[in-house]
Structure formats: structure tokens, C-alpha cells
Amino acid sequence: MPRQLFTGIFVLSLCLSACSSIAPQPTSVSSTLPPPKVQIAATPPSPLPSAEAGNNHPTAAPPAPILVEIPEPAAYTWAQVVSGVTNPVDLQNAGDGSGRLFIVEQPGQIRVLKAGQLLEAPFLDIRNRVGSNGSERGLLGLAFHPKFVENGYFYVNYTARDGNTRIARFTASGERADPASELALLSVQQPFANHNGGALAFGPDGYLYIGLGDGGSGGDPYDNAQSLNTWLGKILRIDVNTLETPYGVPADNPFNDQRLSEIWAIGLRNPWRFSFDSVTGDLWIGDVGQNQWEEINFVPAGTPGGLNFGWNRVEASYPFKGSYQPEFTAPVAEYSHGAECSVTGGYVYRGAALPEWQGIYFFGDYCSGKVWGLASPPLGQTQAFFQTGFRISTFGVDEAGELYLADYNGAIYRLQKRP
């Protein structure tokens, strides 16, 4: 398939499922990327090139590096905690003290991992209303209301049978959610079958953030990511705690004078997983590239909305259909295609079991299975920590802040010290 037509997270997985059987995965991963470094050399990102500069960054000498201590990756492993799940694409906890980890299966179920066991009964089953006949369609995102213990509300992002994106609220009671409790919040028309985005997260401000891709095809043919007349290619921000039905728009949203006042940030191609640092409130975004560059974007806590991440004028920090503009927000990390081809955003580690990893943001690549780290705040260069061999479709954290990743082939792994 030509690189110009590679536009999604899961294209390769379709070939794998259609053309060959999936080999059993090991119960842990021991491979790290030699030679492992023990420090990250921290240098602020250089200025972005213009269209006339070609595909090379400026060669000005960077400032003197700051050294950030990190652990030795070879002393750690990704240990399998469960297998037998179907195309996992999101991992979330409810923050309700139950210790449960919720696994979003792309065909339309939410499964529950509790006390190390995968429960037979799903938490939610909406396969009869989810359209998952495309590589990037399906049940894609989950977020629990900060007061889930009190109200039982949680929110999902899924592709309906008509191919359009739906953001909806469901209500849970006890161990199960009621499929009949669905309250539709947003419906977004999708012109193509790819670039649906899918991520949902509550910010430290209590508002619900929604990630949407540019609508698909290749190169954003309708210029959706730069248009304020569509929700596509954006991060939206809405208030689900208002008396307005079905939601309200925060008064400080940056485009409240526009028709689509839900828009909070623009210029994204396909934001595949974003997360807020549970300690600092900083926002980290993994945005899937077109045919050459993958990127990680960073928004410090308290930053007003209205950021423009530049797609489709630039791909990461390189010219695409235009050139860098001063109003664009540059990525804090980027990498080119090769064995790698599709970024999966992750989380800043804030657990207690591995305190030596505190403040490191983890992210990965779906195609190569490589896992990188970046110090928070992102002052430095990324470091490749692990070569897993997995199709990394998502990361997640449990209630204790411990870090997990999902292999799209059907297993969940947790980062831990090597025995």
C-alpha cells in the first residue's frame, strides 16, 4: 500500500487478521532497545522549518542540555495480565475504589478486569448499535464521570451503524451498565471510514474533552482540521454537569463567537489517545501522521484553548500543504516512518510501585511495538525504552496509577520490575 494511502491506526491489523493466524504472545516482554541510556539529554525544541527550508530542521546549536535521570529499562518488563480480549482499543479505571480496569473492545463491548481475572459478563454490550466494519471504526473511547460513584455516569465514543461518530452517556448500577440508558450528546458526520479519533477524557477543570480525526481519506481533502465549520480534526470541550440538555459549552471556550462553540483546539489529523497528567493537569496528545511523521503534542495545565497544531499545513513540524505559521503549536516529540508508522499516545507515570519512573510520559508505536519515554515537563529528547513486538493500540492506568498497554491482538500487559 503506498504511504500516501496509509491513513490509520489499524490498517496493518486487518491484513494480519485476514491473512494469517495470530501467534500466541509471551507472558512477559524482556526486550529492550540496546544500548539503553540512563539519562535523557534535555533540549528545548528548535524552531520549525518553513516550506522553503525543505524537510530539514535548522542546524543552529541547541542550548546546553539538562540531564534527567531515568531507570535502566533492562530491569523492567511488560508482564501479561490477561489475554482473550477482542481488539482492545482503550483502558480506563472508574476511580470508584473497586480496583477494576475496563477494557474497551472495538466491536462494541466493555470488559472488566478485576483482581487479575477477566469477568465473563461485559460491563456494557452495544455491539448491536456499533459499526465496526472499518479498520478505524467501532467502540473507540471511554471516560468515567469524576462523580461516577454518585451518579453512575460514563461516556463513550463510538461509530454508529450509519458510519457517523456518536458521543453518548450511559448509566451503570452495580456491576453492569444499562444499554437502554443511552443519552446521545453529539453526532458527527464522517465523510470517510478512517480518522475517527476516539479519545475521551475529563480534564482537571471537570469538562469533558473529545478527540476527533479530520474525517479521513488522505491529506485532509476537505481541509477540515483548519476549518471552524466542522468538529472534525479538533479537540472539543463540553460541560456535562450543566442543567442544559444534553450538555453546555464552557464560557471560556475559545470559539464561543463561532457556530461550533464546542471547539477547543484545532489542526489535528487523528488524535489517537490523549491524557491529562493526574498530578500536574498537563495534556499530552498523540497525533497520527500522514505518510512520514508521527507527533506528540503537549499543552501545559492552565493554557487557554484555541491552540492550532498545524495539520494539514504541516505534518508534525514539517511542511505538508503549507508552511509553518507563528500561531501553530509545535510538537514536543516526533519520529519518522520506517519500521514505525502510527503513534499511540500514553500516560505520565504516577504510580507508587515504580517511583523511579515518576514523571516519565510513555507512548508507543502501533506498527513496531516500540515504547518511548519523555520527561515531564517535556524539555528533552525522547528515549526508546522497550521493543515489545506488540500492536500497541492503547495505554492505560489503574486506580493506583500503574501503567498498562494493550496489544491489539488480544492481550493486556503491565509495566513492572523484572523478577
Protein backbone atom coordinates (compact mmCIF):
# COMPACT_ATOMS: atom_id res chain seq x y z
CA MET A 1 0.00 0.00 0.00
CA PRO A 2 1.51 3.40 -0.92
CA ARG A 3 2.46 5.53 2.07
CA GLN A 4 0.15 8.26 0.79
CA LEU A 5 -2.80 5.99 1.37
CA PHE A 6 -1.76 4.79 4.82
CA THR A 7 -4.04 6.87 6.98
CA GLY A 8 -4.97 4.88 10.04
CA ILE A 9 -4.03 3.07 13.20
CA PHE A 10 -5.31 -0.38 12.34
CA VAL A 11 -4.72 -0.95 8.63
CA LEU A 12 -1.98 -3.50 9.24
CA SER A 13 -4.10 -5.34 11.77
CA LEU A 14 -6.71 -6.06 9.11
CA CYS A 15 -4.10 -7.75 6.95
CA LEU A 16 -2.87 -9.76 9.90
CA SER A 17 -6.33 -10.99 10.81
CA ALA A 18 -7.28 -11.74 7.23
CA CYS A 19 -4.03 -13.28 6.02
CA SER A 20 -2.56 -15.21 8.91
CA SER A 21 -3.27 -16.64 12.32
CA ILE A 22 -2.09 -14.75 15.37
CA ALA A 23 0.75 -16.46 17.16
CA PRO A 24 0.41 -16.78 20.96
CA GLN A 25 2.07 -13.91 22.82
CA PRO A 26 4.61 -14.44 25.61
CA THR A 27 3.57 -13.73 29.17
CA SER A 28 6.19 -11.01 29.50
CA VAL A 29 8.49 -8.97 27.33
CA SER A 30 12.17 -8.84 28.05
CA SER A 31 13.44 -6.99 25.00
CA THR A 32 14.81 -3.51 25.50
CA LEU A 33 16.49 -1.34 22.93
CA PRO A 34 20.29 -1.54 23.16
CA PRO A 35 22.31 0.29 24.08
CA PRO A 36 19.97 1.61 26.79
CA LYS A 37 20.83 5.04 28.09
CA VAL A 38 20.49 6.11 31.68
CA GLN A 39 19.83 9.79 31.07
CA ILE A 40 17.72 11.95 28.81
CA ALA A 41 19.52 14.93 27.34
CA ALA A 42 17.00 17.74 27.62
CA THR A 43 16.93 20.41 24.93
CA PRO A 44 14.02 22.66 24.03
CA PRO A 45 12.60 22.03 20.52
CA SER A 46 14.23 24.01 17.74
CA PRO A 47 12.26 26.45 15.54
CA LEU A 48 10.13 24.86 12.87
CA PRO A 49 11.23 24.97 9.23
CA SER A 50 9.41 26.91 6.56
CA ALA A 51 8.20 25.38 3.30
CA GLU A 52 11.28 26.81 1.58
CA ALA A 53 13.56 25.10 4.08
CA GLY A 54 12.68 21.65 2.74
CA ASN A 55 12.50 18.69 5.07
CA ASN A 56 15.47 19.54 7.26
CA HIS A 57 15.42 21.27 10.62
CA PRO A 58 17.62 24.33 11.20
CA THR A 59 21.15 23.41 12.21
CA ALA A 60 21.65 26.06 14.92
CA ALA A 61 23.40 24.70 18.01
CA PRO A 62 20.91 23.79 20.77
CA PRO A 63 21.22 25.14 24.31
CA ALA A 64 23.34 23.20 26.77
CA PRO A 65 21.48 20.00 27.74
CA ILE A 66 19.92 19.32 31.10
CA LEU A 67 20.31 15.72 32.25
CA VAL A 68 17.26 13.92 33.59
CA GLU A 69 17.91 10.68 35.44
CA ILE A 70 15.89 7.66 34.31
CA PRO A 71 15.96 3.99 35.34
CA GLU A 72 17.68 1.24 33.40
CA PRO A 73 14.96 -0.17 31.10
CA ALA A 74 16.50 -3.67 31.05
CA ALA A 75 15.47 -4.08 34.70
CA TYR A 76 11.78 -3.89 33.75
CA THR A 77 9.33 -5.90 31.71
CA TRP A 78 5.78 -5.82 30.38
CA ALA A 79 4.03 -8.71 32.11
CA GLN A 80 0.85 -10.16 30.68
CA VAL A 81 -2.14 -9.79 33.00
CA VAL A 82 -4.88 -11.11 30.73
CA SER A 83 -5.45 -12.46 27.22
CA GLY A 84 -8.50 -13.40 25.20
CA VAL A 85 -9.90 -9.90 24.68
CA THR A 86 -11.09 -8.81 21.26
CA ASN A 87 -9.30 -5.87 19.61
CA PRO A 88 -8.75 -3.75 22.74
CA VAL A 89 -8.52 -0.03 21.95
CA ASP A 90 -8.88 1.71 25.33
CA LEU A 91 -8.12 1.00 29.01
CA GLN A 92 -9.72 3.03 31.81
CA ASN A 93 -10.41 2.88 35.51
CA ALA A 94 -13.54 4.27 37.14
CA GLY A 95 -11.88 5.86 40.16
CA ASP A 96 -14.52 4.24 42.33
CA GLY A 97 -12.29 2.20 44.62
CA SER A 98 -13.33 -1.09 43.03
CA GLY A 99 -9.90 -1.83 41.58
CA ARG A 100 -11.48 -2.63 38.23
CA LEU A 101 -9.78 -1.97 34.89
CA PHE A 102 -12.18 -1.52 31.98
CA ILE A 103 -11.15 -2.82 28.57
CA VAL A 104 -12.84 -1.30 25.53
CA GLU A 105 -13.25 -3.85 22.72
CA GLN A 106 -13.58 -2.27 19.29
CA PRO A 107 -16.56 -4.41 18.15
CA GLY A 108 -18.72 -2.89 20.91
CA GLN A 109 -18.17 -4.34 24.37
CA ILE A 110 -16.54 -3.07 27.55
CA ARG A 111 -14.94 -5.89 29.52
CA VAL A 112 -13.85 -5.84 33.17
CA LEU A 113 -10.53 -6.96 34.63
CA LYS A 114 -10.96 -7.43 38.37
CA ALA A 115 -8.48 -8.96 40.81
CA GLY A 116 -6.47 -10.27 37.86
CA GLN A 117 -9.46 -12.03 36.30
CA LEU A 118 -11.39 -11.15 33.16
CA LEU A 119 -15.06 -11.22 34.11
CA GLU A 120 -17.29 -13.20 31.78
CA ALA A 121 -20.17 -10.72 31.80
CA PRO A 122 -19.38 -7.46 29.97
CA PHE A 123 -19.83 -4.12 31.69
CA LEU A 124 -21.54 -2.82 28.55
CA ASP A 125 -22.54 -4.55 25.32
CA ILE A 126 -23.69 -2.31 22.45
CA ARG A 127 -22.48 -4.42 19.55
CA ASN A 128 -25.92 -4.19 18.01
CA ARG A 129 -25.53 -0.42 17.52
CA VAL A 130 -21.78 -0.13 16.81
CA GLY A 131 -20.48 -0.08 13.25
CA SER A 132 -17.06 -1.72 13.31
CA ASN A 133 -16.74 -2.84 9.70
CA GLY A 134 -13.81 -0.49 9.07
CA SER A 135 -10.31 -0.59 10.48
CA GLU A 136 -10.79 2.63 12.46
CA ARG A 137 -14.47 2.35 13.29
CA GLY A 138 -16.09 0.82 16.34
CA LEU A 139 -16.33 1.47 20.05
CA LEU A 140 -13.24 3.66 20.47
CA GLY A 141 -13.21 5.60 23.72
CA LEU A 142 -14.40 5.62 27.34
CA ALA A 143 -14.38 8.18 30.16
CA PHE A 144 -15.91 7.87 33.62
CA HIS A 145 -17.56 10.88 35.20
CA PRO A 146 -15.46 12.25 38.10
CA LYS A 147 -18.52 11.61 40.33
CA PHE A 148 -19.19 8.15 38.91
CA VAL A 149 -19.61 6.72 42.41
CA GLU A 150 -22.54 9.09 42.95
CA ASN A 151 -24.23 9.24 39.55
CA GLY A 152 -23.09 6.11 37.68
CA TYR A 153 -22.39 8.13 34.52
CA PHE A 154 -19.80 7.23 31.93
CA TYR A 155 -19.25 8.38 28.37
CA VAL A 156 -18.30 6.55 25.19
CA ASN A 157 -17.16 7.49 21.71
CA TYR A 158 -18.31 5.05 19.05
CA THR A 159 -19.07 4.74 15.36
CA ALA A 160 -22.75 4.07 14.80
CA ARG A 161 -24.12 1.73 12.15
CA ASP A 162 -24.51 4.67 9.76
CA GLY A 163 -20.76 5.29 9.93
CA ASN A 164 -21.01 8.51 11.93
CA THR A 165 -19.41 9.23 15.29
CA ARG A 166 -21.62 9.31 18.36
CA ILE A 167 -20.71 10.63 21.79
CA ALA A 168 -23.10 9.24 24.37
CA ARG A 169 -23.64 8.88 28.09
CA PHE A 170 -24.65 5.62 29.78
CA THR A 171 -25.58 4.86 33.37
CA ALA A 172 -24.25 1.98 35.45
CA SER A 173 -25.78 0.42 38.51
CA GLY A 174 -23.76 -2.13 40.43
CA GLU A 175 -21.50 -4.26 38.24
CA ARG A 176 -23.26 -3.61 34.94
CA ALA A 177 -24.34 -0.74 32.74
CA ASP A 178 -27.78 -0.50 31.19
CA PRO A 179 -27.59 -0.38 27.36
CA ALA A 180 -31.05 1.24 27.36
CA SER A 181 -29.75 4.19 29.39
CA GLU A 182 -28.00 5.80 26.42
CA LEU A 183 -28.25 9.59 26.16
CA ALA A 184 -26.81 10.89 22.89
CA LEU A 185 -24.74 14.05 23.27
CA LEU A 186 -23.17 14.59 19.86
CA SER A 187 -23.40 13.05 16.41
CA VAL A 188 -20.63 13.85 13.95
CA GLN A 189 -20.97 13.04 10.26
CA GLN A 190 -17.95 11.13 8.96
CA PRO A 191 -17.16 11.54 5.24
CA PHE A 192 -14.78 8.56 5.19
CA ALA A 193 -14.23 5.37 7.19
CA ASN A 194 -10.92 6.35 8.78
CA HIS A 195 -9.59 9.02 11.16
CA ASN A 196 -12.41 8.77 13.68
CA GLY A 197 -10.19 9.75 16.60
CA GLY A 198 -11.99 8.27 19.59
CA ALA A 199 -10.38 9.53 22.81
CA LEU A 200 -12.40 10.95 25.70
CA ALA A 201 -11.09 12.37 28.97
CA PHE A 202 -12.24 14.60 31.78
CA GLY A 203 -9.85 17.45 32.38
CA PRO A 204 -8.86 18.86 35.77
CA ASP A 205 -11.45 21.59 35.10
CA GLY A 206 -14.24 18.97 35.17
CA TYR A 207 -15.10 19.38 31.50
CA LEU A 208 -15.26 16.51 29.00
CA TYR A 209 -12.66 16.64 26.20
CA ILE A 210 -13.42 14.82 22.93
CA GLY A 211 -10.87 13.92 20.24
CA LEU A 212 -11.97 13.76 16.60
CA GLY A 213 -9.92 13.00 13.49
CA ASP A 214 -10.05 15.06 10.32
CA GLY A 215 -12.68 12.87 8.64
CA GLY A 216 -10.33 10.57 6.78
CA SER A 217 -9.17 9.77 3.28
CA GLY A 218 -5.64 11.20 2.92
CA GLY A 219 -4.24 14.69 3.26
CA ASP A 220 -7.47 16.10 4.74
CA PRO A 221 -9.09 16.76 1.32
CA TYR A 222 -11.84 18.98 2.77
CA ASP A 223 -9.42 21.00 4.92
CA ASN A 224 -11.45 20.03 7.97
CA ALA A 225 -8.68 20.35 10.55
CA GLN A 226 -8.24 24.08 9.84
CA SER A 227 -11.95 24.89 9.47
CA LEU A 228 -14.13 26.24 12.28
CA ASN A 229 -17.22 24.99 10.43
CA THR A 230 -16.75 21.35 11.42
CA TRP A 231 -15.88 19.40 14.56
CA LEU A 232 -13.52 17.19 12.57
CA GLY A 233 -9.80 17.49 13.22
CA LYS A 234 -10.41 19.03 16.63
CA ILE A 235 -10.50 18.56 20.37
CA LEU A 236 -13.90 19.57 21.72
CA ARG A 237 -14.63 20.67 25.29
CA ILE A 238 -18.12 20.47 26.77
CA ASP A 239 -19.83 20.80 30.14
CA VAL A 240 -21.82 17.70 31.08
CA ASN A 241 -22.63 19.00 34.57
CA THR A 242 -24.94 21.78 33.48
CA LEU A 243 -28.73 21.81 33.58
CA GLU A 244 -28.67 22.43 29.84
CA THR A 245 -29.67 19.40 27.78
CA PRO A 246 -27.74 17.37 26.77
CA TYR A 247 -24.66 19.50 27.62
CA GLY A 248 -23.44 23.06 27.95
CA VAL A 249 -20.49 24.93 26.45
CA PRO A 250 -17.93 26.38 28.89
CA ALA A 251 -17.99 30.16 28.88
CA ASP A 252 -14.23 30.34 28.28
CA ASN A 253 -14.17 28.09 25.23
CA PRO A 254 -12.05 29.95 22.65
CA PHE A 255 -14.53 29.98 19.78
CA ASN A 256 -17.74 30.90 21.60
CA ASP A 257 -18.44 33.52 18.94
CA GLN A 258 -18.41 30.81 16.26
CA ARG A 259 -21.16 28.46 15.18
CA LEU A 260 -19.43 25.42 16.66
CA SER A 261 -18.50 26.75 20.07
CA GLU A 262 -17.60 23.27 21.40
CA ILE A 263 -14.22 23.51 19.62
CA TRP A 264 -11.28 23.87 21.99
CA ALA A 265 -8.24 23.11 19.76
CA ILE A 266 -7.77 22.68 16.01
CA GLY A 267 -5.26 21.35 13.48
CA LEU A 268 -5.20 17.63 14.36
CA ARG A 269 -5.10 14.76 11.90
CA ASN A 270 -6.12 11.77 14.01
CA PRO A 271 -5.55 12.22 17.75
CA TRP A 272 -5.12 8.63 18.88
CA ARG A 273 -5.15 8.70 22.67
CA PHE A 274 -4.66 11.77 24.82
CA SER A 275 -4.40 12.04 28.58
CA PHE A 276 -4.13 14.54 31.41
CA ASP A 277 -1.28 14.17 33.89
CA SER A 278 -3.01 13.22 37.14
CA VAL A 279 -0.58 15.36 39.17
CA THR A 280 0.08 18.45 37.07
CA GLY A 281 -3.02 18.55 34.84
CA ASP A 282 -0.87 18.86 31.70
CA LEU A 283 -2.39 17.48 28.49
CA TRP A 284 -0.49 15.05 26.23
CA ILE A 285 -1.74 14.19 22.72
CA GLY A 286 -0.57 11.54 20.27
CA ASP A 287 -1.48 12.60 16.72
CA VAL A 288 -1.11 10.05 13.91
CA GLY A 289 0.79 11.34 10.88
CA GLN A 290 0.12 11.10 7.17
CA ASN A 291 2.97 9.29 5.47
CA GLN A 292 6.21 10.41 7.09
CA TRP A 293 5.97 11.91 10.61
CA GLU A 294 4.31 10.99 13.91
CA GLU A 295 3.96 13.51 16.72
CA ILE A 296 3.35 14.10 20.41
CA ASN A 297 1.79 17.41 21.44
CA PHE A 298 1.90 18.94 24.91
CA VAL A 299 -0.41 21.54 26.50
CA PRO A 300 0.65 22.83 29.93
CA ALA A 301 -2.09 22.97 32.55
CA GLY A 302 -3.96 26.25 32.55
CA THR A 303 -3.26 27.01 28.88
CA PRO A 304 -6.28 28.72 27.30
CA GLY A 305 -7.94 26.93 24.41
CA GLY A 306 -7.57 27.96 20.80
CA LEU A 307 -4.32 26.13 20.02
CA ASN A 308 -3.66 25.19 16.40
CA PHE A 309 -1.45 22.11 15.95
CA GLY A 310 -0.93 22.84 12.28
CA TRP A 311 -2.36 19.93 10.28
CA ASN A 312 -2.71 19.90 7.25
CA ARG A 313 -0.36 22.79 6.62
CA VAL A 314 2.37 20.84 8.42
CA GLU A 315 2.85 17.19 9.35
CA ALA A 316 4.47 17.24 12.79
CA SER A 317 6.92 20.13 12.32
CA TYR A 318 7.49 19.57 8.59
CA PRO A 319 5.77 21.26 5.62
CA PHE A 320 2.85 19.36 4.13
CA LYS A 321 0.37 21.56 2.25
CA GLY A 322 1.83 24.81 3.51
CA SER A 323 4.46 26.13 5.82
CA TYR A 324 4.88 26.76 9.49
CA GLN A 325 2.94 29.72 10.84
CA PRO A 326 3.67 31.56 14.10
CA GLU A 327 0.26 30.60 15.50
CA PHE A 328 0.96 26.87 15.27
CA THR A 329 1.86 24.87 18.38
CA ALA A 330 4.90 22.73 17.67
CA PRO A 331 5.09 19.09 18.76
CA VAL A 332 7.39 18.22 21.66
CA ALA A 333 8.35 14.89 20.08
CA GLU A 334 8.21 13.45 16.59
CA TYR A 335 9.57 10.46 14.73
CA SER A 336 9.73 9.41 11.10
CA HIS A 337 8.33 6.34 9.40
CA GLY A 338 10.36 3.21 8.86
CA ALA A 339 9.52 0.23 10.99
CA GLU A 340 7.35 2.75 12.86
CA CYS A 341 4.20 4.16 11.29
CA SER A 342 1.44 5.08 13.77
CA VAL A 343 1.78 6.73 17.17
CA THR A 344 -0.23 5.67 20.23
CA GLY A 345 -0.39 8.32 22.92
CA GLY A 346 0.05 7.25 26.51
CA TYR A 347 0.34 8.49 30.10
CA VAL A 348 2.70 10.11 32.56
CA TYR A 349 3.61 7.50 35.16
CA ARG A 350 2.32 8.48 38.61
CA GLY A 351 2.13 5.10 40.35
CA ALA A 352 3.74 4.06 43.62
CA ALA A 353 5.18 0.65 42.69
CA LEU A 354 7.88 2.11 40.40
CA PRO A 355 8.72 5.51 41.91
CA GLU A 356 11.87 5.74 39.81
CA TRP A 357 9.65 6.27 36.74
CA GLN A 358 7.79 9.20 38.28
CA GLY A 359 7.15 11.98 35.78
CA ILE A 360 8.03 10.00 32.64
CA TYR A 361 5.50 10.17 29.80
CA PHE A 362 5.20 6.83 27.96
CA PHE A 363 3.99 6.46 24.39
CA GLY A 364 4.37 3.84 21.67
CA ASP A 365 4.05 2.87 18.04
CA TYR A 366 1.36 0.53 16.76
CA CYS A 367 3.41 -0.92 13.91
CA SER A 368 6.79 -1.53 15.54
CA GLY A 369 5.74 -2.12 19.15
CA LYS A 370 8.37 0.32 20.35
CA VAL A 371 7.79 2.23 23.61
CA TRP A 372 9.40 5.62 24.21
CA GLY A 373 9.64 7.90 27.22
CA LEU A 374 9.80 11.65 27.61
CA ALA A 375 10.41 13.58 30.80
CA SER A 376 7.59 15.76 32.10
CA PRO A 377 7.61 18.68 31.50
CA PRO A 378 8.89 17.85 28.00
CA LEU A 379 12.24 19.62 27.95
CA GLY A 380 14.20 16.85 26.34
CA GLN A 381 14.64 14.30 23.64
CA THR A 382 12.66 11.09 23.62
CA GLN A 383 14.30 7.83 24.58
CA ALA A 384 13.32 4.41 23.22
CA PHE A 385 12.87 2.13 26.23
CA PHE A 386 11.29 -1.15 25.05
CA GLN A 387 10.84 -3.19 21.88
CA THR A 388 7.70 -5.17 22.67
CA GLY A 389 6.70 -6.62 19.31
CA PHE A 390 3.07 -5.83 20.13
CA ARG A 391 0.49 -3.92 18.10
CA ILE A 392 0.23 -1.20 20.74
CA SER A 393 -3.31 0.13 20.43
CA THR A 394 -3.57 1.97 23.75
CA PHE A 395 -2.08 2.59 27.15
CA GLY A 396 -3.96 2.87 30.43
CA VAL A 397 -3.52 3.31 34.16
CA ASP A 398 -5.31 1.64 37.05
CA GLU A 399 -6.57 3.37 40.20
CA ALA A 400 -3.12 3.13 41.74
CA GLY A 401 -1.54 4.84 38.72
CA GLU A 402 0.24 1.71 37.48
CA LEU A 403 0.84 1.62 33.73
CA TYR A 404 -0.64 -0.86 31.23
CA LEU A 405 -0.65 -1.28 27.48
CA ALA A 406 -2.90 -3.24 25.13
CA ASP A 407 -1.81 -5.43 22.25
CA TYR A 408 -4.49 -5.15 19.58
CA ASN A 409 -4.09 -8.90 19.02
CA GLY A 410 -5.88 -9.50 22.32
CA ALA A 411 -3.77 -9.15 25.50
CA ILE A 412 -3.14 -6.59 28.24
CA TYR A 413 0.29 -6.03 29.84
CA ARG A 414 1.53 -4.14 32.91
CA LEU A 415 4.90 -2.48 33.41
CA GLN A 416 6.75 -3.98 36.37
CA LYS A 417 10.20 -4.83 37.68
CA ARG A 418 11.79 -7.91 36.26
CA PRO A 419 11.59 -10.86 38.70
